[in-house]
Amino acid sequence: MTPPIRNVSDTALWVAVYRAMESERPDGLFHDPYARGLAGERGEAIVRSIPRGRSMAWPMIVRTAVMDEILLRLVGQGVRTVVNLAAGLDTRAYRLDVPRSLHWIDVDLPDMIAYRDEHLWSAEPVCRHEHIAADLADEGSRESVLERVAAEGVLALVITEGLLVYLTAAQVTAIAGEIHRTANVRWWLTDLASPRLLRMLRRSWIPHLEAANAPMQFAPADGTAFFAPLGWREAEFRSMWDESLRLNRSVPMAGLWNWLGRFQSRTKREEARRMSGIVLLERT
């Protein structure tokens, strides 16, 4: 029997189901008209196979909505190139209200790029869009992509949505250095897990991912301070929990959990708030 998640690329199908679920709500936080087709039956099978697969959609929905907000703000502030590393099935270049002159580069493994091409061939990007097939585990491939960005010489943003958690600390360190050496990349937008979150996911998602040789592993105990020696500072941290409350996409009885949190120390409350978040890093 084929396992529901075969490799790390299959997680893109999984997340696409969540984007489709949100897009089909009358009060959806965003509208991704391509998500359902991209997810396909395999994406639905993955969600059915994961414990609490549908009820745990909220962090991915919140992540998408918050990253949309930050991206649009940065483009409004002058970003002219967006490099989406490990793009998966992201369709922001097709659905966000960005200038046509924006250069958007989606980078992923050759098989994923072929899948994207097959399913998005008739879709019209809203900006100047490019697909690059590259194995981001290979240093030379990463540097080749970033050299192209450097050659443009315009203000650039790098996105690593849903990528870092699957890497080792050494791999993240290498990528951080390579992005920092690309002088026109001022901003780096990513999501970040904590050791506490990985301990929680050990009871649900992580065993399925490990079986597919895609373990969740990067969750620095020092949070965004991990990036400081690598030339990056925390410009903005959006707590997944706080944002879920703001966007009304939280867990049942979230209000009760918040009330109970008042009886914890400030340190414990802050630890919980930073268990998972969306981070905007700025070069120093």
C-alpha atoms as a PDB file:
ATOM      1  CA  MET A   1       0.000   0.000   0.000  1.00  0.00           C
ATOM      2  CA  THR A   2       1.406   3.415  -0.992  1.00  0.00           C
ATOM      3  CA  PRO A   3       1.773   5.694   2.046  1.00  0.00           C
ATOM      4  CA  PRO A   4      -0.290   8.924   1.859  1.00  0.00           C
ATOM      5  CA  ILE A   5       2.829  11.112   2.023  1.00  0.00           C
ATOM      6  CA  ARG A   6       5.566   9.776  -0.238  1.00  0.00           C
ATOM      7  CA  ASN A   7       8.106  12.601   0.101  1.00  0.00           C
ATOM      8  CA  VAL A   8       8.436  16.213   1.208  1.00  0.00           C
ATOM      9  CA  SER A   9       6.969  17.480  -2.089  1.00  0.00           C
ATOM     10  CA  ASP A  10       3.656  15.828  -1.217  1.00  0.00           C
ATOM     11  CA  THR A  11       3.241  18.305   1.628  1.00  0.00           C
ATOM     12  CA  ALA A  12       2.485  20.903  -1.068  1.00  0.00           C
ATOM     13  CA  LEU A  13      -0.604  18.903  -2.083  1.00  0.00           C
ATOM     14  CA  TRP A  14      -1.643  18.749   1.559  1.00  0.00           C
ATOM     15  CA  VAL A  15      -1.344  22.516   2.080  1.00  0.00           C
ATOM     16  CA  ALA A  16      -3.165  23.201  -1.210  1.00  0.00           C
ATOM     17  CA  VAL A  17      -6.235  21.423   0.215  1.00  0.00           C
ATOM     18  CA  TYR A  18      -6.244  23.874   3.112  1.00  0.00           C
ATOM     19  CA  ARG A  19      -6.008  26.837   0.740  1.00  0.00           C
ATOM     20  CA  ALA A  20      -8.914  25.394  -1.230  1.00  0.00           C
ATOM     21  CA  MET A  21     -10.979  24.974   1.944  1.00  0.00           C
ATOM     22  CA  GLU A  22     -10.450  28.611   2.873  1.00  0.00           C
ATOM     23  CA  SER A  23     -11.047  29.854  -0.668  1.00  0.00           C
ATOM     24  CA  GLU A  24     -14.424  28.108  -0.750  1.00  0.00           C
ATOM     25  CA  ARG A  25     -15.681  29.855   2.387  1.00  0.00           C
ATOM     26  CA  PRO A  26     -18.005  32.830   1.805  1.00  0.00           C
ATOM     27  CA  ASP A  27     -15.850  34.785   4.279  1.00  0.00           C
ATOM     28  CA  GLY A  28     -12.508  33.451   3.016  1.00  0.00           C
ATOM     29  CA  LEU A  29      -9.406  35.389   4.001  1.00  0.00           C
ATOM     30  CA  PHE A  30      -8.028  34.869   0.479  1.00  0.00           C
ATOM     31  CA  HIS A  31      -9.161  33.348  -2.784  1.00  0.00           C
ATOM     32  CA  ASP A  32      -6.967  30.804  -4.549  1.00  0.00           C
ATOM     33  CA  PRO A  33      -8.922  29.572  -7.579  1.00  0.00           C
ATOM     34  CA  TYR A  34      -6.195  27.061  -8.458  1.00  0.00           C
ATOM     35  CA  ALA A  35      -5.796  25.328  -5.091  1.00  0.00           C
ATOM     36  CA  ARG A  36      -8.435  22.630  -5.500  1.00  0.00           C
ATOM     37  CA  GLY A  37      -7.138  21.487  -8.878  1.00  0.00           C
ATOM     38  CA  LEU A  38      -3.524  21.550  -7.717  1.00  0.00           C
ATOM     39  CA  ALA A  39      -4.291  19.526  -4.580  1.00  0.00           C
ATOM     40  CA  GLY A  40      -6.122  16.825  -6.510  1.00  0.00           C
ATOM     41  CA  GLU A  41      -7.326  13.573  -5.025  1.00  0.00           C
ATOM     42  CA  ARG A  42      -3.920  12.809  -3.563  1.00  0.00           C
ATOM     43  CA  GLY A  43      -4.023  15.982  -1.500  1.00  0.00           C
ATOM     44  CA  GLU A  44      -7.443  15.024  -0.163  1.00  0.00           C
ATOM     45  CA  ALA A  45      -6.182  11.519   0.645  1.00  0.00           C
ATOM     46  CA  ILE A  46      -3.316  12.995   2.660  1.00  0.00           C
ATOM     47  CA  VAL A  47      -5.679  15.202   4.676  1.00  0.00           C
ATOM     48  CA  ARG A  48      -7.955  12.216   5.358  1.00  0.00           C
ATOM     49  CA  SER A  49      -5.008  10.118   6.544  1.00  0.00           C
ATOM     50  CA  ILE A  50      -3.524  12.636   8.980  1.00  0.00           C
ATOM     51  CA  PRO A  51      -4.938  12.777  12.528  1.00  0.00           C
ATOM     52  CA  ARG A  52      -7.251  15.811  12.792  1.00  0.00           C
ATOM     53  CA  GLY A  53      -6.359  16.523   9.187  1.00  0.00           C
ATOM     54  CA  ARG A  54      -9.160  18.997   8.491  1.00  0.00           C
ATOM     55  CA  SER A  55      -9.481  20.583  11.924  1.00  0.00           C
ATOM     56  CA  MET A  56      -5.754  21.416  11.888  1.00  0.00           C
ATOM     57  CA  ALA A  57      -6.044  23.495   8.730  1.00  0.00           C
ATOM     58  CA  TRP A  58      -6.009  26.778  10.632  1.00  0.00           C
ATOM     59  CA  PRO A  59      -2.209  27.300  10.999  1.00  0.00           C
ATOM     60  CA  MET A  60      -1.660  26.909   7.234  1.00  0.00           C
ATOM     61  CA  ILE A  61      -4.573  29.220   6.469  1.00  0.00           C
ATOM     62  CA  VAL A  62      -3.299  31.824   8.918  1.00  0.00           C
ATOM     63  CA  ARG A  63       0.232  31.520   7.520  1.00  0.00           C
ATOM     64  CA  THR A  64      -1.008  32.090   3.982  1.00  0.00           C
ATOM     65  CA  ALA A  65      -3.133  35.111   4.918  1.00  0.00           C
ATOM     66  CA  VAL A  66      -0.442  36.801   7.035  1.00  0.00           C
ATOM     67  CA  MET A  67       2.282  36.238   4.444  1.00  0.00           C
ATOM     68  CA  ASP A  68      -0.040  37.721   1.817  1.00  0.00           C
ATOM     69  CA  GLU A  69      -0.395  40.851   3.952  1.00  0.00           C
ATOM     70  CA  ILE A  70       3.341  41.247   4.528  1.00  0.00           C
ATOM     71  CA  LEU A  71       4.194  40.564   0.872  1.00  0.00           C
ATOM     72  CA  LEU A  72       1.776  43.173  -0.414  1.00  0.00           C
ATOM     73  CA  ARG A  73       3.123  45.731   2.050  1.00  0.00           C
ATOM     74  CA  LEU A  74       6.749  45.110   1.039  1.00  0.00           C
ATOM     75  CA  VAL A  75       5.931  45.286  -2.665  1.00  0.00           C
ATOM     76  CA  GLY A  76       4.234  48.604  -1.937  1.00  0.00           C
ATOM     77  CA  GLN A  77       7.460  49.711  -0.230  1.00  0.00           C
ATOM     78  CA  GLY A  78       9.603  49.023  -3.270  1.00  0.00           C
ATOM     79  CA  VAL A  79      10.365  45.307  -3.559  1.00  0.00           C
ATOM     80  CA  ARG A  80      10.746  44.540  -7.267  1.00  0.00           C
ATOM     81  CA  THR A  81      11.840  40.878  -7.232  1.00  0.00           C
ATOM     82  CA  VAL A  82      10.373  38.057  -5.161  1.00  0.00           C
ATOM     83  CA  VAL A  83      12.227  34.730  -4.974  1.00  0.00           C
ATOM     84  CA  ASN A  84      10.079  31.907  -3.633  1.00  0.00           C
ATOM     85  CA  LEU A  85      12.417  29.067  -2.624  1.00  0.00           C
ATOM     86  CA  ALA A  86      10.713  25.656  -2.396  1.00  0.00           C
ATOM     87  CA  ALA A  87       7.596  27.259  -3.853  1.00  0.00           C
ATOM     88  CA  GLY A  88       5.570  24.055  -3.814  1.00  0.00           C
ATOM     89  CA  LEU A  89       2.114  24.845  -5.186  1.00  0.00           C
ATOM     90  CA  ASP A  90       2.023  28.491  -4.134  1.00  0.00           C
ATOM     91  CA  THR A  91       0.022  30.646  -6.576  1.00  0.00           C
ATOM     92  CA  ARG A  92       0.597  34.158  -5.258  1.00  0.00           C
ATOM     93  CA  ALA A  93       2.061  35.230  -8.613  1.00  0.00           C
ATOM     94  CA  TYR A  94      -1.347  34.394 -10.118  1.00  0.00           C
ATOM     95  CA  ARG A  95      -3.699  35.734  -7.460  1.00  0.00           C
ATOM     96  CA  LEU A  96      -2.219  38.692  -5.576  1.00  0.00           C
ATOM     97  CA  ASP A  97      -2.797  42.294  -6.593  1.00  0.00           C
ATOM     98  CA  VAL A  98       0.812  43.193  -7.423  1.00  0.00           C
ATOM     99  CA  PRO A  99       2.271  45.376 -10.207  1.00  0.00           C
ATOM    100  CA  ARG A 100       2.755  43.716 -13.569  1.00  0.00           C
ATOM    101  CA  SER A 101       6.390  44.845 -13.454  1.00  0.00           C
ATOM    102  CA  LEU A 102       7.123  42.727 -10.350  1.00  0.00           C
ATOM    103  CA  HIS A 103       9.464  39.819 -11.142  1.00  0.00           C
ATOM    104  CA  TRP A 104       8.301  36.704  -9.311  1.00  0.00           C
ATOM    105  CA  ILE A 105      10.497  33.586  -9.361  1.00  0.00           C
ATOM    106  CA  ASP A 106       9.121  30.254  -8.128  1.00  0.00           C
ATOM    107  CA  VAL A 107      11.898  27.711  -7.459  1.00  0.00           C
ATOM    108  CA  ASP A 108      11.460  24.024  -6.696  1.00  0.00           C
ATOM    109  CA  LEU A 109      12.533  20.523  -7.697  1.00  0.00           C
ATOM    110  CA  PRO A 110      12.156  19.608 -11.384  1.00  0.00           C
ATOM    111  CA  ASP A 111       9.220  17.254 -10.745  1.00  0.00           C
ATOM    112  CA  MET A 112       7.351  19.936  -8.808  1.00  0.00           C
ATOM    113  CA  ILE A 113       7.985  22.551 -11.488  1.00  0.00           C
ATOM    114  CA  ALA A 114       6.732  20.096 -14.125  1.00  0.00           C
ATOM    115  CA  TYR A 115       3.588  19.503 -12.040  1.00  0.00           C
ATOM    116  CA  ARG A 116       3.045  23.245 -11.714  1.00  0.00           C
ATOM    117  CA  ASP A 117       3.514  23.749 -15.459  1.00  0.00           C
ATOM    118  CA  GLU A 118       1.038  20.970 -16.206  1.00  0.00           C
ATOM    119  CA  HIS A 119      -1.687  22.359 -13.951  1.00  0.00           C
ATOM    120  CA  LEU A 120      -1.118  26.106 -14.407  1.00  0.00           C
ATOM    121  CA  TRP A 121      -0.418  26.180 -18.144  1.00  0.00           C
ATOM    122  CA  SER A 122      -3.600  28.126 -18.893  1.00  0.00           C
ATOM    123  CA  ALA A 123      -3.391  30.431 -15.859  1.00  0.00           C
ATOM    124  CA  GLU A 124      -2.291  34.003 -16.443  1.00  0.00           C
ATOM    125  CA  PRO A 125       0.193  35.377 -13.886  1.00  0.00           C
ATOM    126  CA  VAL A 126      -0.514  38.889 -12.672  1.00  0.00           C
ATOM    127  CA  CYS A 127       3.170  39.858 -12.904  1.00  0.00           C
ATOM    128  CA  ARG A 128       6.368  38.847 -14.686  1.00  0.00           C
ATOM    129  CA  HIS A 129       6.621  35.247 -13.587  1.00  0.00           C
ATOM    130  CA  GLU A 130       9.334  32.635 -13.962  1.00  0.00           C
ATOM    131  CA  HIS A 131       9.708  28.996 -12.956  1.00  0.00           C
ATOM    132  CA  ILE A 132      13.168  27.661 -12.101  1.00  0.00           C
ATOM    133  CA  ALA A 133      13.747  23.943 -11.599  1.00  0.00           C
ATOM    134  CA  ALA A 134      16.520  23.475  -9.025  1.00  0.00           C
ATOM    135  CA  ASP A 135      17.456  21.125  -6.217  1.00  0.00           C
ATOM    136  CA  LEU A 136      17.747  23.491  -3.261  1.00  0.00           C
ATOM    137  CA  ALA A 137      19.650  20.834  -1.315  1.00  0.00           C
ATOM    138  CA  ASP A 138      22.521  21.536  -3.708  1.00  0.00           C
ATOM    139  CA  GLU A 139      24.641  24.571  -2.830  1.00  0.00           C
ATOM    140  CA  GLY A 140      25.544  25.252  -6.455  1.00  0.00           C
ATOM    141  CA  SER A 141      21.883  25.299  -7.497  1.00  0.00           C
ATOM    142  CA  ARG A 142      20.989  27.745  -4.743  1.00  0.00           C
ATOM    143  CA  GLU A 143      23.859  30.028  -5.615  1.00  0.00           C
ATOM    144  CA  SER A 144      22.920  29.947  -9.302  1.00  0.00           C
ATOM    145  CA  VAL A 145      19.412  31.173  -8.474  1.00  0.00           C
ATOM    146  CA  LEU A 146      20.668  33.899  -6.156  1.00  0.00           C
ATOM    147  CA  GLU A 147      23.278  35.052  -8.672  1.00  0.00           C
ATOM    148  CA  ARG A 148      20.455  35.762 -11.105  1.00  0.00           C
ATOM    149  CA  VAL A 149      18.703  37.798  -8.443  1.00  0.00           C
ATOM    150  CA  ALA A 150      21.887  39.732  -7.698  1.00  0.00           C
ATOM    151  CA  ALA A 151      22.371  40.498 -11.391  1.00  0.00           C
ATOM    152  CA  GLU A 152      19.031  42.310 -11.491  1.00  0.00           C
ATOM    153  CA  GLY A 153      20.255  44.750  -8.851  1.00  0.00           C
ATOM    154  CA  VAL A 154      16.763  45.719  -7.642  1.00  0.00           C
ATOM    155  CA  LEU A 155      15.306  45.468  -4.154  1.00  0.00           C
ATOM    156  CA  ALA A 156      14.463  41.800  -3.553  1.00  0.00           C
ATOM    157  CA  LEU A 157      12.625  39.599  -1.090  1.00  0.00           C
ATOM    158  CA  VAL A 158      13.215  35.883  -0.460  1.00  0.00           C
ATOM    159  CA  ILE A 159      10.405  33.608   0.782  1.00  0.00           C
ATOM    160  CA  THR A 160      10.979  30.206   2.396  1.00  0.00           C
ATOM    161  CA  GLU A 161       7.433  29.289   3.384  1.00  0.00           C
ATOM    162  CA  GLY A 162       7.179  25.789   4.812  1.00  0.00           C
ATOM    163  CA  LEU A 163      10.821  24.984   4.022  1.00  0.00           C
ATOM    164  CA  LEU A 164      13.099  25.583   6.988  1.00  0.00           C
ATOM    165  CA  VAL A 165      11.419  23.153   9.366  1.00  0.00           C
ATOM    166  CA  TYR A 166      12.472  20.252   7.090  1.00  0.00           C
ATOM    167  CA  LEU A 167      16.148  21.281   7.094  1.00  0.00           C
ATOM    168  CA  THR A 168      19.014  20.811   9.509  1.00  0.00           C
ATOM    169  CA  ALA A 169      20.503  23.742  11.391  1.00  0.00           C
ATOM    170  CA  ALA A 170      23.610  23.452   9.201  1.00  0.00           C
ATOM    171  CA  GLN A 171      21.536  23.695   6.031  1.00  0.00           C
ATOM    172  CA  VAL A 172      19.637  26.732   7.327  1.00  0.00           C
ATOM    173  CA  THR A 173      22.924  28.359   8.287  1.00  0.00           C
ATOM    174  CA  ALA A 174      24.262  27.836   4.761  1.00  0.00           C
ATOM    175  CA  ILE A 175      21.119  29.229   3.131  1.00  0.00           C
ATOM    176  CA  ALA A 176      21.087  32.240   5.452  1.00  0.00           C
ATOM    177  CA  GLY A 177      24.652  33.052   4.464  1.00  0.00           C
ATOM    178  CA  GLU A 178      23.965  32.684   0.752  1.00  0.00           C
ATOM    179  CA  ILE A 179      20.920  34.928   0.898  1.00  0.00           C
ATOM    180  CA  HIS A 180      22.867  37.508   2.912  1.00  0.00           C
ATOM    181  CA  ARG A 181      25.635  37.565   0.309  1.00  0.00           C
ATOM    182  CA  THR A 182      23.014  38.548  -2.270  1.00  0.00           C
ATOM    183  CA  ALA A 183      23.311  42.237  -1.496  1.00  0.00           C
ATOM    184  CA  ASN A 184      20.027  43.414  -3.026  1.00  0.00           C
ATOM    185  CA  VAL A 185      17.971  40.993  -0.895  1.00  0.00           C
ATOM    186  CA  ARG A 186      16.891  43.162   2.005  1.00  0.00           C
ATOM    187  CA  TRP A 187      14.059  41.013   3.330  1.00  0.00           C
ATOM    188  CA  TRP A 188      13.553  37.329   4.077  1.00  0.00           C
ATOM    189  CA  LEU A 189      10.043  36.089   4.890  1.00  0.00           C
ATOM    190  CA  THR A 190       9.662  32.677   6.506  1.00  0.00           C
ATOM    191  CA  ASP A 191       7.787  30.678   9.123  1.00  0.00           C
ATOM    192  CA  LEU A 192       9.484  29.381  12.238  1.00  0.00           C
ATOM    193  CA  ALA A 193       8.727  26.517  14.612  1.00  0.00           C
ATOM    194  CA  SER A 194       9.868  26.033  18.194  1.00  0.00           C
ATOM    195  CA  PRO A 195      10.954  22.862  20.007  1.00  0.00           C
ATOM    196  CA  ARG A 196       7.651  23.003  21.892  1.00  0.00           C
ATOM    197  CA  LEU A 197       5.675  22.876  18.639  1.00  0.00           C
ATOM    198  CA  LEU A 198       7.640  19.870  17.378  1.00  0.00           C
ATOM    199  CA  ARG A 199       6.965  18.053  20.634  1.00  0.00           C
ATOM    200  CA  MET A 200       3.245  18.664  20.136  1.00  0.00           C
ATOM    201  CA  LEU A 201       3.318  17.536  16.494  1.00  0.00           C
ATOM    202  CA  ARG A 202       5.083  14.348  17.528  1.00  0.00           C
ATOM    203  CA  ARG A 203       1.608  13.056  18.404  1.00  0.00           C
ATOM    204  CA  SER A 204       0.107  13.808  15.000  1.00  0.00           C
ATOM    205  CA  TRP A 205       1.938  14.874  11.849  1.00  0.00           C
ATOM    206  CA  ILE A 206       5.584  14.057  12.472  1.00  0.00           C
ATOM    207  CA  PRO A 207       5.369  10.218  12.350  1.00  0.00           C
ATOM    208  CA  HIS A 208       3.741  10.418   8.897  1.00  0.00           C
ATOM    209  CA  LEU A 209       6.428  12.803   7.684  1.00  0.00           C
ATOM    210  CA  GLU A 210       9.256  10.697   9.072  1.00  0.00           C
ATOM    211  CA  ALA A 211       7.842   7.677   7.266  1.00  0.00           C
ATOM    212  CA  ALA A 212       8.182   9.700   4.054  1.00  0.00           C
ATOM    213  CA  ASN A 213      11.786  10.659   4.899  1.00  0.00           C
ATOM    214  CA  ALA A 214      10.667  14.258   5.505  1.00  0.00           C
ATOM    215  CA  PRO A 215      11.219  14.795   9.240  1.00  0.00           C
ATOM    216  CA  MET A 216      10.465  18.131  10.842  1.00  0.00           C
ATOM    217  CA  GLN A 217      13.713  19.106  12.512  1.00  0.00           C
ATOM    218  CA  PHE A 218      14.635  22.809  12.432  1.00  0.00           C
ATOM    219  CA  ALA A 219      13.147  24.500  15.487  1.00  0.00           C
ATOM    220  CA  PRO A 220      15.814  26.670  17.143  1.00  0.00           C
ATOM    221  CA  ALA A 221      15.481  27.017  20.889  1.00  0.00           C
ATOM    222  CA  ASP A 222      16.613  30.649  20.625  1.00  0.00           C
ATOM    223  CA  GLY A 223      14.034  31.510  17.973  1.00  0.00           C
ATOM    224  CA  THR A 224      14.914  34.341  15.630  1.00  0.00           C
ATOM    225  CA  ALA A 225      18.118  34.991  17.583  1.00  0.00           C
ATOM    226  CA  PHE A 226      19.503  31.990  15.672  1.00  0.00           C
ATOM    227  CA  PHE A 227      19.783  34.232  12.606  1.00  0.00           C
ATOM    228  CA  ALA A 228      21.547  37.185  14.273  1.00  0.00           C
ATOM    229  CA  PRO A 229      25.133  35.905  13.791  1.00  0.00           C
ATOM    230  CA  LEU A 230      24.222  35.156  10.169  1.00  0.00           C
ATOM    231  CA  GLY A 231      23.406  38.775   9.350  1.00  0.00           C
ATOM    232  CA  TRP A 232      19.656  38.844   9.929  1.00  0.00           C
ATOM    233  CA  ARG A 233      17.548  40.566  12.558  1.00  0.00           C
ATOM    234  CA  GLU A 234      13.902  40.070  13.439  1.00  0.00           C
ATOM    235  CA  ALA A 235      11.991  42.942  11.843  1.00  0.00           C
ATOM    236  CA  GLU A 236       8.583  41.459  12.562  1.00  0.00           C
ATOM    237  CA  PHE A 237       7.228  38.407  14.357  1.00  0.00           C
ATOM    238  CA  ARG A 238       3.577  37.424  13.926  1.00  0.00           C
ATOM    239  CA  SER A 239       2.551  34.799  16.444  1.00  0.00           C
ATOM    240  CA  MET A 240       0.476  32.096  14.764  1.00  0.00           C
ATOM    241  CA  TRP A 241      -1.756  32.008  17.826  1.00  0.00           C
ATOM    242  CA  ASP A 242      -2.266  35.777  18.003  1.00  0.00           C
ATOM    243  CA  GLU A 243      -2.934  36.001  14.289  1.00  0.00           C
ATOM    244  CA  SER A 244      -5.417  33.137  14.410  1.00  0.00           C
ATOM    245  CA  LEU A 245      -7.437  35.117  16.965  1.00  0.00           C
ATOM    246  CA  ARG A 246      -7.205  38.315  14.934  1.00  0.00           C
ATOM    247  CA  LEU A 247      -8.345  36.557  11.762  1.00  0.00           C
ATOM    248  CA  ASN A 248     -10.971  34.412  13.517  1.00  0.00           C
ATOM    249  CA  ARG A 249      -9.359  31.159  12.382  1.00  0.00           C
ATOM    250  CA  SER A 250      -8.339  29.679  15.697  1.00  0.00           C
ATOM    251  CA  VAL A 251      -9.073  26.430  17.517  1.00  0.00           C
ATOM    252  CA  PRO A 252     -12.372  25.794  19.322  1.00  0.00           C
ATOM    253  CA  MET A 253     -12.490  27.398  22.784  1.00  0.00           C
ATOM    254  CA  ALA A 254      -9.556  29.667  21.937  1.00  0.00           C
ATOM    255  CA  GLY A 255     -10.997  32.301  24.251  1.00  0.00           C
ATOM    256  CA  LEU A 256     -10.902  29.891  27.168  1.00  0.00           C
ATOM    257  CA  TRP A 257      -7.290  28.979  26.456  1.00  0.00           C
ATOM    258  CA  ASN A 258      -6.409  32.669  26.354  1.00  0.00           C
ATOM    259  CA  TRP A 259      -8.149  33.243  29.692  1.00  0.00           C
ATOM    260  CA  LEU A 260      -6.303  30.332  31.289  1.00  0.00           C
ATOM    261  CA  GLY A 261      -3.047  31.753  29.965  1.00  0.00           C
ATOM    262  CA  ARG A 262      -3.487  34.790  32.219  1.00  0.00           C
ATOM    263  CA  PHE A 263      -2.591  32.602  35.174  1.00  0.00           C
ATOM    264  CA  GLN A 264       0.795  31.708  33.700  1.00  0.00           C
ATOM    265  CA  SER A 265       3.971  33.703  34.170  1.00  0.00           C
ATOM    266  CA  ARG A 266       4.897  36.285  31.558  1.00  0.00           C
ATOM    267  CA  THR A 267       7.750  34.034  30.453  1.00  0.00           C
ATOM    268  CA  LYS A 268       5.401  31.093  29.879  1.00  0.00           C
ATOM    269  CA  ARG A 269       2.909  33.271  28.000  1.00  0.00           C
ATOM    270  CA  GLU A 270       5.630  34.559  25.719  1.00  0.00           C
ATOM    271  CA  GLU A 271       6.941  31.043  25.135  1.00  0.00           C
ATOM    272  CA  ALA A 272       3.452  29.954  24.085  1.00  0.00           C
ATOM    273  CA  ARG A 273       3.013  33.007  21.858  1.00  0.00           C
ATOM    274  CA  ARG A 274       6.267  32.243  20.062  1.00  0.00           C
ATOM    275  CA  MET A 275       5.623  28.525  19.675  1.00  0.00           C
ATOM    276  CA  SER A 276       5.007  29.118  15.971  1.00  0.00           C
ATOM    277  CA  GLY A 277       5.084  32.251  13.886  1.00  0.00           C
ATOM    278  CA  ILE A 278       5.589  34.102  10.650  1.00  0.00           C
ATOM    279  CA  VAL A 279       8.865  36.020  10.651  1.00  0.00           C
ATOM    280  CA  LEU A 280      10.144  38.877   8.561  1.00  0.00           C
ATOM    281  CA  LEU A 281      13.936  39.041   8.752  1.00  0.00           C
ATOM    282  CA  GLU A 282      15.918  42.094   7.655  1.00  0.00           C
ATOM    283  CA  ARG A 283      19.582  42.090   6.734  1.00  0.00           C
ATOM    284  CA  THR A 284      21.898  43.803   9.213  1.00  0.00           C
END
